[in-house]
Protein backbone atom coordinates (compact mmCIF):
# COMPACT_ATOMS: atom_id res chain seq x y z
CA MET A 1 0.00 0.00 0.00
CA THR A 2 1.47 3.35 -1.05
CA ILE A 3 1.56 5.94 1.70
CA ALA A 4 2.74 9.53 2.10
CA TYR A 5 4.37 10.94 5.23
CA PHE A 6 4.47 14.73 5.59
CA ASP A 7 7.41 15.83 7.72
CA CYS A 8 6.30 19.30 8.78
CA PHE A 9 9.49 20.48 10.46
CA ALA A 10 8.93 24.04 9.17
CA GLY A 11 5.14 23.89 9.00
CA ILE A 12 2.80 23.35 6.07
CA SER A 13 0.84 25.48 3.61
CA GLY A 14 -1.13 24.75 0.47
CA ASP A 15 1.59 25.81 -1.95
CA MET A 16 4.27 23.94 0.01
CA THR A 17 2.13 20.81 -0.23
CA LEU A 18 1.87 21.17 -4.01
CA GLY A 19 5.63 21.71 -4.30
CA ALA A 20 6.51 18.71 -2.13
CA LEU A 21 4.25 16.35 -4.10
CA LEU A 22 5.60 17.57 -7.44
CA ASP A 23 9.16 17.22 -6.14
CA ALA A 24 8.34 13.64 -5.11
CA GLY A 25 7.35 12.75 -8.67
CA ALA A 26 3.72 13.82 -9.22
CA ASP A 27 2.73 14.98 -12.70
CA ARG A 28 3.27 18.72 -13.20
CA ASN A 29 0.56 18.80 -15.88
CA LEU A 30 -2.06 18.09 -13.23
CA LEU A 31 -1.70 21.63 -11.89
CA ASP A 32 -2.73 22.99 -15.28
CA ALA A 33 -5.51 20.41 -15.41
CA THR A 34 -6.68 21.57 -11.97
CA ILE A 35 -6.97 25.18 -13.15
CA GLU A 36 -8.85 24.08 -16.27
CA ALA A 37 -11.21 21.79 -14.32
CA LEU A 38 -11.99 24.61 -11.88
CA ARG A 39 -12.49 27.03 -14.81
CA LEU A 40 -10.01 29.49 -13.31
CA GLY A 41 -7.87 30.08 -16.38
CA ASP A 42 -8.76 33.78 -16.44
CA GLU A 43 -7.79 34.25 -12.78
CA VAL A 44 -4.78 32.07 -12.06
CA ASN A 45 -1.21 31.51 -13.20
CA VAL A 46 1.01 28.82 -11.72
CA ASN A 47 4.77 29.17 -11.63
CA VAL A 48 6.81 26.06 -10.74
CA ARG A 49 10.56 26.35 -10.20
CA HIS A 50 13.48 24.99 -8.21
CA GLU A 51 14.64 27.05 -5.22
CA GLN A 52 17.01 26.66 -2.27
CA ARG A 53 16.40 27.35 1.39
CA GLY A 54 19.80 26.90 2.96
CA HIS A 55 20.84 23.26 2.61
CA VAL A 56 17.39 22.26 1.35
CA GLY A 57 16.56 22.44 -2.35
CA GLY A 58 13.16 21.63 -3.73
CA THR A 59 10.17 22.77 -5.75
CA ARG A 60 8.49 26.12 -5.22
CA VAL A 61 4.93 26.53 -6.47
CA ILE A 62 3.59 30.05 -6.78
CA VAL A 63 -0.14 30.33 -7.45
CA GLN A 64 -0.67 33.87 -8.75
CA THR A 65 -4.13 35.40 -9.05
CA ARG A 66 -5.17 38.19 -11.41
CA ASP A 67 -8.07 40.53 -10.66
CA ARG A 68 -8.68 38.65 -7.43
CA VAL A 69 -12.29 37.51 -7.01
CA GLU A 70 -13.39 37.10 -3.41
CA ARG A 71 -15.71 34.13 -2.88
CA THR A 72 -17.84 32.99 0.02
CA VAL A 73 -17.77 29.39 1.22
CA PRO A 74 -20.90 28.52 -0.82
CA ASP A 75 -19.21 30.05 -3.87
CA LEU A 76 -16.06 27.99 -3.34
CA ARG A 77 -18.12 24.85 -2.77
CA ALA A 78 -20.00 25.40 -6.02
CA VAL A 79 -16.75 25.75 -8.00
CA ILE A 80 -15.33 22.48 -6.63
CA SER A 81 -18.65 20.63 -7.03
CA ALA A 82 -18.83 21.63 -10.69
CA ALA A 83 -15.21 20.71 -11.43
CA GLU A 84 -14.57 17.75 -13.70
CA VAL A 85 -12.16 15.92 -11.43
CA PRO A 86 -12.19 12.34 -10.07
CA ASP A 87 -14.55 11.71 -7.17
CA GLU A 88 -11.66 10.64 -4.94
CA VAL A 89 -10.22 14.14 -5.50
CA LYS A 90 -13.46 16.07 -5.19
CA ARG A 91 -14.63 14.43 -1.96
CA PRO A 92 -11.60 15.31 0.22
CA ALA A 93 -11.32 18.77 -1.36
CA LEU A 94 -14.91 19.51 -0.37
CA SER A 95 -14.31 18.08 3.10
CA ALA A 96 -11.27 20.31 3.55
CA LEU A 97 -13.30 23.31 2.43
CA GLU A 98 -16.02 22.42 4.93
CA ARG A 99 -13.43 22.45 7.70
CA LEU A 100 -12.14 25.84 6.59
CA GLY A 101 -15.64 27.28 6.45
CA SER A 102 -16.68 25.81 9.78
CA ALA A 103 -13.53 27.10 11.48
CA GLU A 104 -13.99 30.63 10.18
CA ALA A 105 -17.71 30.62 11.02
CA ARG A 106 -16.96 29.66 14.63
CA LEU A 107 -14.20 32.24 14.96
CA HIS A 108 -16.33 35.11 13.65
CA ASN A 109 -19.74 33.86 14.80
CA LEU A 110 -21.20 34.36 11.34
CA PRO A 111 -23.03 32.09 8.88
CA GLU A 112 -21.04 30.88 5.89
CA SER A 113 -22.85 33.15 3.45
CA GLN A 114 -21.71 36.27 5.34
CA LEU A 115 -18.09 35.28 5.94
CA ASN A 116 -15.34 37.37 4.39
CA LEU A 117 -12.58 34.81 4.01
CA HIS A 118 -10.00 37.36 2.84
CA GLU A 119 -7.02 35.38 1.48
CA LEU A 120 -8.87 32.05 1.92
CA GLY A 121 -11.60 33.17 -0.45
CA GLY A 122 -9.41 33.42 -3.52
CA ALA A 123 -8.87 31.10 -6.46
CA ASP A 124 -5.50 30.03 -5.01
CA THR A 125 -7.28 28.22 -2.17
CA LEU A 126 -9.25 26.21 -4.72
CA VAL A 127 -6.09 25.30 -6.62
CA ASP A 128 -4.29 24.32 -3.40
CA LEU A 129 -7.07 22.02 -2.20
CA VAL A 130 -8.02 20.30 -5.46
CA GLY A 131 -4.42 20.22 -6.69
CA ALA A 132 -3.10 18.62 -3.50
CA PHE A 133 -5.58 15.74 -3.55
CA TRP A 134 -5.18 15.22 -7.30
CA LEU A 135 -1.40 15.00 -6.94
CA LEU A 136 -1.80 12.51 -4.08
CA GLN A 137 -4.04 10.40 -6.30
CA ASN A 138 -1.49 10.64 -9.11
CA LEU A 139 1.15 9.20 -6.77
CA ARG A 140 -1.32 6.39 -5.91
CA VAL A 141 -1.25 7.34 -2.24
CA VAL A 142 -3.81 5.37 -0.22
CA GLN A 143 -3.05 6.74 3.25
CA VAL A 144 -1.45 9.98 4.44
CA TYR A 145 0.52 10.38 7.66
CA ALA A 146 1.95 13.52 9.24
CA SER A 147 4.51 14.48 11.86
CA ALA A 148 3.87 16.66 14.87
CA LEU A 149 3.22 20.25 13.82
CA PRO A 150 5.39 23.16 15.01
CA ALA A 151 3.50 25.47 17.35
CA PRO A 152 5.09 28.87 18.02
CA GLY A 153 3.86 30.96 20.94
CA GLY A 154 3.11 34.61 21.51
CA ARG A 155 1.77 36.84 18.79
CA ALA A 156 2.61 37.90 15.25
CA GLY A 157 1.37 41.47 15.24
CA GLN A 158 -2.18 41.22 16.55
CA MET A 159 -2.50 37.54 15.62
CA PRO A 160 -2.03 34.98 18.41
CA LEU A 161 0.19 32.01 17.61
CA PRO A 162 -0.58 29.32 16.60
CA ALA A 163 -3.14 30.97 14.30
CA PRO A 164 -6.70 30.42 15.63
CA ALA A 165 -8.08 29.45 12.20
CA SER A 166 -5.46 26.72 11.78
CA MET A 167 -6.13 25.36 15.27
CA ARG A 168 -9.89 25.27 14.64
CA VAL A 169 -9.36 23.44 11.37
CA LEU A 170 -7.27 20.77 13.12
CA GLU A 171 -9.56 20.47 16.14
CA GLY A 172 -10.55 16.87 16.88
CA THR A 173 -8.24 15.30 14.29
CA GLY A 174 -5.66 13.86 16.66
CA ALA A 175 -3.04 16.33 15.44
CA THR A 176 -0.02 16.64 17.71
CA PHE A 177 2.03 19.78 18.28
CA GLN A 178 5.53 20.58 19.42
CA ALA A 179 6.84 23.90 20.69
CA SER A 180 8.70 26.16 18.25
CA ASP A 181 10.81 29.27 18.79
CA GLU A 182 9.55 30.84 15.58
CA THR A 183 7.57 34.08 15.74
CA ARG A 184 5.41 33.62 12.62
CA GLU A 185 2.57 31.45 11.41
CA LEU A 186 3.91 28.05 10.35
CA VAL A 187 0.74 26.05 9.73
CA THR A 188 -1.70 27.84 7.43
CA PRO A 189 -5.43 27.06 7.50
CA THR A 190 -5.24 25.52 4.01
CA GLY A 191 -2.28 23.32 4.91
CA GLY A 192 -3.99 22.31 8.13
CA ALA A 193 -7.22 21.48 6.30
CA ILE A 194 -5.42 19.14 3.90
CA LEU A 195 -3.93 17.21 6.82
CA ALA A 196 -7.15 17.33 8.84
CA VAL A 197 -9.02 15.50 6.10
CA ALA A 198 -6.35 13.05 4.97
CA ALA A 199 -3.73 12.39 7.65
CA LYS A 200 -3.07 10.23 10.65
CA PHE A 201 -0.67 12.00 12.97
CA THR A 202 1.93 9.32 13.51
CA ARG A 203 5.13 8.21 11.81
CA PRO A 204 4.70 4.92 9.94
CA ALA A 205 7.23 2.23 9.10
CA MET A 206 7.76 2.39 5.36
CA SER A 207 10.09 1.49 2.53
CA LEU A 208 11.04 4.78 0.88
CA GLN A 209 10.51 5.20 -2.87
CA SER A 210 10.87 8.97 -3.26
CA ILE A 211 11.07 12.15 -1.23
CA GLY A 212 10.06 15.65 -2.19
CA TYR A 213 10.62 19.09 -0.69
CA GLY A 214 8.10 21.89 -1.11
CA ILE A 215 9.76 25.27 -0.67
CA GLY A 216 8.02 27.99 1.34
CA ALA A 217 7.80 31.65 0.37
CA ARG A 218 9.88 33.03 3.24
CA GLU A 219 13.57 33.02 2.27
CA VAL A 220 15.07 31.55 5.43
CA PRO A 221 17.17 28.36 5.70
CA GLY A 222 15.14 25.20 6.11
CA ASN A 223 11.79 26.72 5.13
CA ALA A 224 10.44 23.62 3.41
CA LEU A 225 7.96 20.79 3.74
CA ALA A 226 9.11 17.22 3.15
CA VAL A 227 6.92 14.41 1.89
CA TRP A 228 8.09 10.80 1.87
CA ILE A 229 6.41 8.43 -0.58
CA GLY A 230 6.74 4.67 -0.17
CA GLU A 231 5.18 1.35 0.72
CA GLU A 232 3.88 0.76 4.20
CA VAL A 233 5.73 -1.92 6.13
CA ALA A 234 3.60 -3.90 8.56
CA THR A 235 5.39 -3.97 11.90
CA GLN A 236 2.43 -4.79 14.16
CA THR A 237 2.62 -8.57 14.02
CA GLY A 238 2.17 -9.17 17.75
CA VAL A 239 -1.37 -9.03 19.16
CA THR A 240 -3.18 -10.01 22.34
CA MET A 241 -6.33 -12.14 22.21
CA ILE A 242 -8.87 -11.32 24.92
CA GLU A 243 -11.36 -14.17 25.27
CA THR A 244 -14.21 -15.05 27.58
CA ASN A 245 -17.18 -17.43 27.71
CA ILE A 246 -20.65 -15.93 28.26
CA ASP A 247 -23.90 -17.86 28.83
CA ASP A 248 -26.14 -15.36 30.65
CA MET A 249 -26.15 -12.22 28.50
CA ALA A 250 -28.83 -11.09 26.03
CA PRO A 251 -27.77 -11.28 22.35
CA ASN A 252 -28.61 -7.63 21.67
CA LEU A 253 -26.31 -6.59 24.53
CA ILE A 254 -23.50 -8.75 23.12
CA ALA A 255 -23.96 -7.06 19.74
CA ALA A 256 -23.73 -3.62 21.37
CA LEU A 257 -20.61 -4.70 23.27
CA CYS A 258 -18.93 -5.78 20.01
CA GLU A 259 -19.68 -2.42 18.38
CA ASP A 260 -18.29 -0.57 21.39
CA LEU A 261 -15.08 -2.62 21.39
CA MET A 262 -14.48 -1.95 17.69
CA GLY A 263 -15.08 1.75 18.28
CA MET A 264 -12.49 1.72 21.07
CA GLY A 265 -9.74 0.40 18.81
CA ALA A 266 -10.07 -3.40 18.74
CA LEU A 267 -8.46 -4.89 15.63
CA ASP A 268 -11.24 -7.48 15.39
CA VAL A 269 -14.12 -8.80 17.48
CA SER A 270 -15.84 -12.14 16.92
CA VAL A 271 -18.55 -14.12 18.71
CA LEU A 272 -18.78 -17.91 18.32
CA PRO A 273 -21.57 -20.21 19.55
CA ALA A 274 -20.53 -22.66 22.25
CA VAL A 275 -21.97 -25.28 24.58
CA MET A 276 -21.19 -24.33 28.19
CA LYS A 277 -21.31 -26.30 31.40
CA LYS A 278 -24.56 -28.16 32.16
CA GLY A 279 -25.29 -28.11 28.42
CA ARG A 280 -26.14 -24.42 28.35
CA PRO A 281 -25.90 -22.63 24.96
CA GLY A 282 -23.51 -19.70 25.15
CA HIS A 283 -20.97 -17.61 23.29
CA VAL A 284 -17.20 -17.22 23.13
CA LEU A 285 -16.26 -13.56 22.78
CA ALA A 286 -12.82 -13.04 21.20
CA VAL A 287 -11.21 -9.59 20.93
CA MET A 288 -7.96 -8.94 19.03
CA ALA A 289 -6.04 -6.04 20.57
CA THR A 290 -2.74 -4.22 20.20
CA SER A 291 -0.45 -3.87 23.18
CA ASP A 292 -1.53 -0.29 23.85
CA THR A 293 -5.27 -1.08 23.84
CA THR A 294 -5.28 -4.42 25.71
CA ALA A 295 -5.82 -2.94 29.17
CA LEU A 296 -8.58 -0.58 28.00
CA LEU A 297 -10.47 -3.29 26.10
CA THR A 298 -10.08 -5.83 28.91
CA ASP A 299 -11.51 -3.35 31.40
CA HIS A 300 -14.45 -2.64 29.09
CA VAL A 301 -15.28 -6.35 28.69
CA LEU A 302 -15.21 -6.87 32.46
CA ARG A 303 -17.36 -3.79 33.14
CA HIS A 304 -19.92 -4.17 30.37
CA SER A 305 -20.50 -7.92 30.14
CA THR A 306 -21.66 -10.56 32.63
CA THR A 307 -18.31 -12.40 32.63
CA LEU A 308 -16.26 -12.74 35.81
CA GLY A 309 -12.92 -13.07 34.03
CA VAL A 310 -11.07 -13.10 30.71
CA ARG A 311 -8.20 -15.05 29.16
CA LEU A 312 -5.24 -13.16 27.64
CA THR A 313 -3.09 -14.87 25.01
CA ASN A 314 -0.21 -13.37 23.04
CA ALA A 315 -0.26 -14.27 19.35
CA ASP A 316 1.59 -13.49 16.12
CA ARG A 317 -0.18 -12.67 12.89
CA VAL A 318 0.89 -12.38 9.26
CA ILE A 319 -0.76 -9.56 7.29
CA ALA A 320 -1.28 -9.44 3.55
CA GLN A 321 -0.81 -6.06 1.88
CA ARG A 322 -3.96 -4.27 0.78
CA ARG A 323 -4.97 -1.21 -1.19
CA MET A 324 -8.14 0.39 -2.52
CA ILE A 325 -9.01 1.00 -6.17
CA GLU A 326 -12.03 2.56 -7.87
CA VAL A 327 -13.79 0.86 -10.77
CA ARG A 328 -16.61 1.97 -13.04
CA THR A 329 -19.59 -0.30 -13.66
CA GLU A 330 -23.00 0.08 -15.25
CA PHE A 331 -24.29 0.97 -11.77
CA GLY A 332 -21.70 3.68 -11.09
CA VAL A 333 -18.27 4.02 -9.52
CA ALA A 334 -17.35 1.84 -6.55
CA ARG A 335 -14.29 1.00 -4.51
CA ALA A 336 -12.75 -2.45 -4.22
CA LYS A 337 -10.14 -3.76 -1.80
CA VAL A 338 -7.16 -5.46 -3.42
CA LYS A 339 -5.28 -8.17 -1.55
CA GLU A 340 -1.59 -8.35 -2.43
CA ILE A 341 1.31 -10.64 -1.55
CA GLY A 342 4.79 -9.64 -2.54
CA GLY A 343 3.40 -6.60 -4.33
CA LYS A 344 1.22 -8.73 -6.63
CA ALA A 345 -2.58 -8.64 -6.61
CA ILE A 346 -4.08 -12.05 -5.88
CA ASP A 347 -7.68 -11.29 -4.94
CA VAL A 348 -10.22 -8.48 -4.77
CA ALA A 349 -13.34 -7.74 -2.72
CA PRO A 350 -16.01 -5.11 -3.48
CA GLU A 351 -16.58 -2.38 -0.89
CA PHE A 352 -19.91 -3.31 0.69
CA GLU A 353 -21.22 0.19 1.47
CA ASP A 354 -20.56 1.40 -2.09
CA CYS A 355 -22.36 -1.62 -3.51
CA ARG A 356 -25.30 -1.23 -1.16
CA ARG A 357 -25.65 2.44 -2.13
CA MET A 358 -25.63 1.60 -5.86
CA ALA A 359 -28.11 -1.24 -5.34
CA ARG A 360 -30.52 1.15 -3.66
CA GLU A 361 -30.08 3.81 -6.31
CA SER A 362 -30.51 1.38 -9.23
CA GLY A 363 -33.15 -0.86 -7.71
CA ARG A 364 -31.04 -3.91 -8.58
CA ASP A 365 -30.15 -6.82 -6.34
CA LEU A 366 -27.14 -6.23 -4.07
CA SER A 367 -25.48 -9.50 -5.08
CA GLU A 368 -25.72 -8.50 -8.76
CA VAL A 369 -24.03 -5.16 -8.05
CA MET A 370 -21.29 -6.84 -6.01
CA ARG A 371 -20.60 -9.29 -8.83
CA ALA A 372 -20.35 -6.43 -11.32
CA VAL A 373 -17.84 -4.54 -9.14
CA THR A 374 -15.80 -7.69 -8.57
CA THR A 375 -15.73 -8.48 -12.30
CA ALA A 376 -14.66 -4.93 -13.19
CA ALA A 377 -11.94 -4.91 -10.53
CA ARG A 378 -10.55 -8.29 -11.53
CA LYS A 379 -10.47 -7.19 -15.17
CA GLU A 380 -8.64 -3.96 -14.31
CA LEU A 381 -6.07 -5.90 -12.25
CA GLY A 382 -5.63 -8.61 -14.88
CA LEU A 383 -6.77 -11.37 -12.54
CA ASP A 384 -9.09 -12.98 -15.15
């Protein structure tokens, strides 16, 4: 599975994100395609060039606007919605825009239609958002990760640091921050929105294929954003199995317990029928947990089930690689999960929720839709 890790040692902005992805090998022509798809050719020019920031050299992207048109959040949303870009690009771009709009609305206590977004309301924001997710798709990135974000203190003029808009955008995402001695904004709202939608804030184990540096506007040494592109390496092979036998708990309560355990971070939860002592019908509850969630999940089972004890067993597991693809069928576009071993696709499974949605929309049987998605995916992968 191809992943991207953003090392935000000097912060992140929209144009730095574009530069880093281009420097890592994404197609430069997609920036022009982004402008065309957004119908912004009369407003925007993009300049891409190599620049140095001390010992770091990389790609600088300058999105220049002419006769700047200020847009409200509904205006921006309409432009992205009408753009002829892939759905897997449009969806996260719209989600990022929603975060920007929501953050600004909360800060200024105004509805979206009355917000003056100033620099966020320009065509460059549209190019940054749509361009970033299109370049990620071009690099076949399935999952994005990000480092801790630098958080300066104090104020820059009248603006508190970190910038309130950026903090609101990242609220509730699990983003981590580390103190910085800088006295300027390092994480822009647009850069934060891209990470808020796409990233997990942890450093993954990966085999590196390429690295890119996106150069920032400020001409100081080290003002760059790094992105690492590579294949994820599964390191979590050790798990703990939490098991218990239950013969006096209502089935609907067991179902609720399973949902809660999955929501708390269990890797898997299963319930098997069993014959208990005195011939009583019962269930064996089995929970697969990582080392850092074992105690939490064990406590939850003891508190929220009728059992008086659990069994803990350490186990190893071998994980096949997996990635998601999108395929087009007569019912619409759907995702499919590809199982890989040694980098080679060996099987594929249709994404259930996509198939169920298309079955409802088309009025066709769910099994028929799932077969169509499977057939299209296998054909695209050359498995048939």
